[in-house]
N, C-alpha and C. Protein backbone atom coordinates (compact mmCIF):
# COMPACT_ATOMS: atom_id res chain seq x y z
N MET A 1 108.63 8.06 159.65
CA MET A 1 109.13 6.70 159.67
C MET A 1 110.25 6.61 160.69
N ASN A 2 110.18 5.65 161.57
CA ASN A 2 111.23 5.44 162.56
C ASN A 2 111.93 4.12 162.29
N VAL A 3 113.22 4.11 162.49
CA VAL A 3 114.00 2.91 162.28
C VAL A 3 114.74 2.59 163.56
N LYS A 4 114.62 1.38 164.05
CA LYS A 4 115.35 0.98 165.25
C LYS A 4 116.33 -0.11 164.87
N LEU A 5 117.58 0.21 165.05
CA LEU A 5 118.62 -0.75 164.77
C LEU A 5 118.99 -1.46 166.06
N GLN A 6 119.51 -2.66 165.96
CA GLN A 6 119.86 -3.44 167.14
C GLN A 6 120.86 -2.66 167.99
N ASN A 7 120.60 -2.56 169.29
CA ASN A 7 121.46 -1.89 170.26
C ASN A 7 121.66 -0.40 169.95
N THR A 8 120.68 0.22 169.33
CA THR A 8 120.78 1.66 169.05
C THR A 8 119.48 2.33 169.41
N LYS A 9 119.49 3.64 169.34
CA LYS A 9 118.30 4.43 169.62
C LYS A 9 117.42 4.48 168.38
N VAL A 10 116.20 4.92 168.57
CA VAL A 10 115.26 5.13 167.46
C VAL A 10 115.71 6.36 166.70
N ILE A 11 115.76 6.25 165.38
CA ILE A 11 116.17 7.36 164.52
C ILE A 11 114.94 7.82 163.76
N SER A 12 114.65 9.11 163.83
CA SER A 12 113.52 9.67 163.12
C SER A 12 113.99 10.16 161.75
N LEU A 13 113.27 9.77 160.69
CA LEU A 13 113.63 10.17 159.33
C LEU A 13 112.69 11.25 158.79
N GLU A 14 111.71 11.69 159.60
CA GLU A 14 110.74 12.67 159.12
C GLU A 14 111.35 14.00 158.71
N ASN A 15 112.38 14.43 159.38
CA ASN A 15 112.94 15.76 159.15
C ASN A 15 114.09 15.77 158.14
N ILE A 16 114.40 14.64 157.57
CA ILE A 16 115.47 14.59 156.58
C ILE A 16 114.91 15.06 155.24
N LYS A 17 115.56 16.05 154.66
CA LYS A 17 115.13 16.58 153.37
C LYS A 17 116.10 16.13 152.29
N ILE A 18 115.54 15.63 151.22
CA ILE A 18 116.35 15.19 150.09
C ILE A 18 116.12 16.16 148.96
N ALA A 19 117.21 16.74 148.46
CA ALA A 19 117.10 17.71 147.36
C ALA A 19 116.67 16.98 146.09
N PRO A 20 115.77 17.58 145.34
CA PRO A 20 115.35 16.95 144.08
C PRO A 20 116.52 16.89 143.09
N ILE A 21 116.54 15.86 142.30
CA ILE A 21 117.57 15.71 141.28
C ILE A 21 117.16 16.59 140.10
N PRO A 22 118.06 17.45 139.62
CA PRO A 22 117.70 18.32 138.49
C PRO A 22 117.34 17.52 137.25
N LEU A 23 116.41 18.03 136.48
CA LEU A 23 115.98 17.39 135.25
C LEU A 23 117.17 17.15 134.32
N SER A 24 118.08 18.11 134.29
CA SER A 24 119.27 17.97 133.42
C SER A 24 120.09 16.73 133.77
N ALA A 25 120.15 16.39 135.04
CA ALA A 25 120.88 15.19 135.45
C ALA A 25 120.20 13.93 134.94
N HIS A 26 118.87 13.92 134.95
CA HIS A 26 118.12 12.77 134.42
C HIS A 26 118.37 12.63 132.91
N VAL A 27 118.35 13.76 132.22
CA VAL A 27 118.57 13.74 130.76
C VAL A 27 119.98 13.24 130.46
N LYS A 28 120.97 13.76 131.18
CA LYS A 28 122.35 13.34 130.95
C LYS A 28 122.51 11.84 131.18
N GLU A 29 121.91 11.35 132.24
CA GLU A 29 122.00 9.92 132.54
C GLU A 29 121.32 9.08 131.46
N ALA A 30 120.17 9.54 130.96
CA ALA A 30 119.47 8.80 129.90
C ALA A 30 120.30 8.78 128.61
N VAL A 31 120.93 9.91 128.28
CA VAL A 31 121.75 9.97 127.06
C VAL A 31 122.99 9.08 127.22
N LYS A 32 123.60 9.09 128.39
CA LYS A 32 124.74 8.20 128.63
C LYS A 32 124.33 6.74 128.48
N HIS A 33 123.15 6.42 128.98
CA HIS A 33 122.63 5.05 128.86
C HIS A 33 122.40 4.71 127.38
N TYR A 34 121.85 5.66 126.63
CA TYR A 34 121.64 5.46 125.19
C TYR A 34 122.97 5.17 124.50
N PHE A 35 123.99 5.98 124.80
CA PHE A 35 125.31 5.77 124.20
C PHE A 35 125.88 4.40 124.56
N SER A 36 125.67 3.97 125.80
CA SER A 36 126.22 2.68 126.22
C SER A 36 125.56 1.52 125.47
N GLN A 37 124.34 1.71 124.98
CA GLN A 37 123.64 0.66 124.25
C GLN A 37 123.99 0.62 122.77
N LEU A 38 124.73 1.61 122.30
CA LEU A 38 125.09 1.64 120.88
C LEU A 38 126.11 0.58 120.51
N ASN A 39 126.88 0.12 121.48
CA ASN A 39 127.89 -0.91 121.24
C ASN A 39 128.81 -0.55 120.08
N GLY A 40 129.27 0.70 120.04
CA GLY A 40 130.21 1.12 119.02
C GLY A 40 129.59 1.55 117.70
N HIS A 41 128.28 1.42 117.55
CA HIS A 41 127.61 1.85 116.31
C HIS A 41 127.52 3.37 116.28
N ASP A 42 127.57 3.92 115.10
CA ASP A 42 127.44 5.36 114.93
C ASP A 42 125.98 5.78 115.12
N THR A 43 125.81 7.03 115.46
CA THR A 43 124.47 7.60 115.59
C THR A 43 124.51 9.03 115.06
N SER A 44 123.38 9.55 114.68
CA SER A 44 123.31 10.94 114.25
C SER A 44 121.91 11.45 114.54
N GLY A 45 121.75 12.76 114.50
CA GLY A 45 120.44 13.35 114.75
C GLY A 45 119.99 13.23 116.19
N LEU A 46 120.94 13.16 117.11
CA LEU A 46 120.60 12.95 118.52
C LEU A 46 119.77 14.10 119.08
N HIS A 47 120.10 15.32 118.72
CA HIS A 47 119.36 16.47 119.25
C HIS A 47 117.88 16.37 118.88
N ALA A 48 117.59 16.16 117.61
CA ALA A 48 116.20 16.06 117.16
C ALA A 48 115.50 14.88 117.83
N MET A 49 116.22 13.77 118.00
CA MET A 49 115.62 12.60 118.63
C MET A 49 115.25 12.90 120.09
N VAL A 50 116.16 13.53 120.82
CA VAL A 50 115.89 13.84 122.22
C VAL A 50 114.72 14.80 122.34
N ILE A 51 114.69 15.84 121.51
CA ILE A 51 113.59 16.81 121.55
C ILE A 51 112.26 16.11 121.28
N SER A 52 112.23 15.25 120.26
CA SER A 52 110.98 14.57 119.94
C SER A 52 110.56 13.60 121.04
N GLU A 53 111.51 13.01 121.73
CA GLU A 53 111.19 12.07 122.81
C GLU A 53 110.73 12.81 124.07
N VAL A 54 111.21 14.03 124.28
CA VAL A 54 110.93 14.76 125.50
C VAL A 54 109.70 15.66 125.37
N GLU A 55 109.48 16.24 124.20
CA GLU A 55 108.44 17.25 124.05
C GLU A 55 107.03 16.72 124.34
N LYS A 56 106.68 15.57 123.81
CA LYS A 56 105.32 15.05 124.01
C LYS A 56 105.04 14.79 125.49
N PRO A 57 105.89 14.03 126.21
CA PRO A 57 105.58 13.81 127.63
C PRO A 57 105.64 15.10 128.46
N LEU A 58 106.47 16.06 128.04
CA LEU A 58 106.52 17.35 128.72
C LEU A 58 105.17 18.06 128.61
N ILE A 59 104.62 18.09 127.41
CA ILE A 59 103.32 18.73 127.19
C ILE A 59 102.22 17.97 127.92
N GLU A 60 102.26 16.63 127.85
CA GLU A 60 101.26 15.83 128.56
C GLU A 60 101.28 16.12 130.06
N ALA A 61 102.48 16.17 130.64
CA ALA A 61 102.61 16.41 132.08
C ALA A 61 102.12 17.80 132.45
N ALA A 62 102.44 18.79 131.62
CA ALA A 62 102.00 20.17 131.90
C ALA A 62 100.47 20.26 131.82
N LEU A 63 99.89 19.61 130.83
CA LEU A 63 98.43 19.63 130.71
C LEU A 63 97.76 18.94 131.91
N GLU A 64 98.31 17.82 132.33
CA GLU A 64 97.78 17.13 133.51
C GLU A 64 97.90 18.02 134.74
N TYR A 65 99.05 18.66 134.91
CA TYR A 65 99.29 19.53 136.05
C TYR A 65 98.29 20.68 136.08
N CYS A 66 97.92 21.16 134.90
CA CYS A 66 97.01 22.31 134.78
C CYS A 66 95.56 21.90 134.56
N GLY A 67 95.24 20.64 134.81
CA GLY A 67 93.87 20.18 134.66
C GLY A 67 93.35 20.30 133.24
N GLN A 68 94.21 20.08 132.26
CA GLN A 68 93.90 20.15 130.83
C GLN A 68 93.59 21.58 130.36
N ASN A 69 93.87 22.57 131.18
CA ASN A 69 93.65 23.96 130.80
C ASN A 69 94.84 24.43 129.96
N GLN A 70 94.60 24.61 128.66
CA GLN A 70 95.68 24.95 127.74
C GLN A 70 96.25 26.34 128.00
N THR A 71 95.44 27.27 128.45
CA THR A 71 95.94 28.61 128.75
C THR A 71 96.96 28.55 129.88
N LYS A 72 96.61 27.83 130.95
CA LYS A 72 97.54 27.68 132.08
C LYS A 72 98.78 26.88 131.66
N ALA A 73 98.57 25.80 130.92
CA ALA A 73 99.70 24.97 130.49
C ALA A 73 100.65 25.74 129.59
N SER A 74 100.11 26.59 128.72
CA SER A 74 100.98 27.36 127.84
C SER A 74 101.84 28.32 128.66
N LYS A 75 101.27 28.87 129.73
CA LYS A 75 102.04 29.75 130.61
C LYS A 75 103.13 28.96 131.34
N VAL A 76 102.77 27.80 131.86
CA VAL A 76 103.74 26.95 132.56
C VAL A 76 104.90 26.58 131.63
N LEU A 77 104.57 26.25 130.39
CA LEU A 77 105.58 25.82 129.42
C LEU A 77 106.35 26.99 128.79
N GLY A 78 105.79 28.19 128.90
CA GLY A 78 106.44 29.33 128.26
C GLY A 78 106.21 29.36 126.76
N LEU A 79 105.07 28.84 126.34
CA LEU A 79 104.69 28.81 124.93
C LEU A 79 103.45 29.68 124.73
N SER A 80 103.26 30.15 123.52
CA SER A 80 102.00 30.84 123.24
C SER A 80 100.90 29.78 123.20
N ARG A 81 99.68 30.23 123.43
CA ARG A 81 98.56 29.29 123.40
C ARG A 81 98.40 28.65 122.03
N SER A 82 98.64 29.42 120.97
CA SER A 82 98.50 28.86 119.62
C SER A 82 99.58 27.82 119.34
N THR A 83 100.79 28.05 119.83
CA THR A 83 101.86 27.05 119.65
C THR A 83 101.52 25.78 120.41
N LEU A 84 101.02 25.94 121.63
CA LEU A 84 100.63 24.75 122.40
C LEU A 84 99.52 24.00 121.69
N ARG A 85 98.53 24.71 121.16
CA ARG A 85 97.44 24.03 120.44
C ARG A 85 97.97 23.23 119.25
N LYS A 86 98.93 23.81 118.52
CA LYS A 86 99.53 23.10 117.37
C LYS A 86 100.24 21.84 117.82
N LYS A 87 100.94 21.94 118.94
CA LYS A 87 101.68 20.77 119.43
C LYS A 87 100.73 19.71 119.99
N VAL A 88 99.65 20.14 120.62
CA VAL A 88 98.63 19.20 121.10
C VAL A 88 98.06 18.43 119.92
N GLU A 89 97.79 19.13 118.84
CA GLU A 89 97.27 18.49 117.64
C GLU A 89 98.34 17.59 117.00
N GLN A 90 99.58 18.09 116.93
CA GLN A 90 100.69 17.33 116.34
C GLN A 90 100.89 16.00 117.05
N TYR A 91 100.79 16.00 118.38
CA TYR A 91 101.02 14.78 119.15
C TYR A 91 99.73 14.04 119.49
N ASN A 92 98.61 14.47 118.91
CA ASN A 92 97.32 13.79 119.16
C ASN A 92 96.96 13.74 120.64
N LEU A 93 97.10 14.86 121.31
CA LEU A 93 96.86 14.89 122.76
C LEU A 93 95.49 15.42 123.13
N SER A 94 94.67 15.78 122.14
CA SER A 94 93.36 16.36 122.47
C SER A 94 92.34 15.31 122.85
């Protein structure tokens, strides 16, 4: 992609590399957003809530990445194949 600004040279953007944002930064931002929506109300069980919200899409994405191959997905996730099968069943992903 080239951008030409008035009275300037053409600037090439092809070689600019943008570092990926770490997953932890996305999680932190989402939790901060969650807290901002509480409007002073108390909350509890945040850890369990975050795990339950993250685990299903994590497994779905890993399965998609691995072409629905549970053996490969279990390796990517660092889970045993039997644990992955239980979670696939738990979240109705089959």
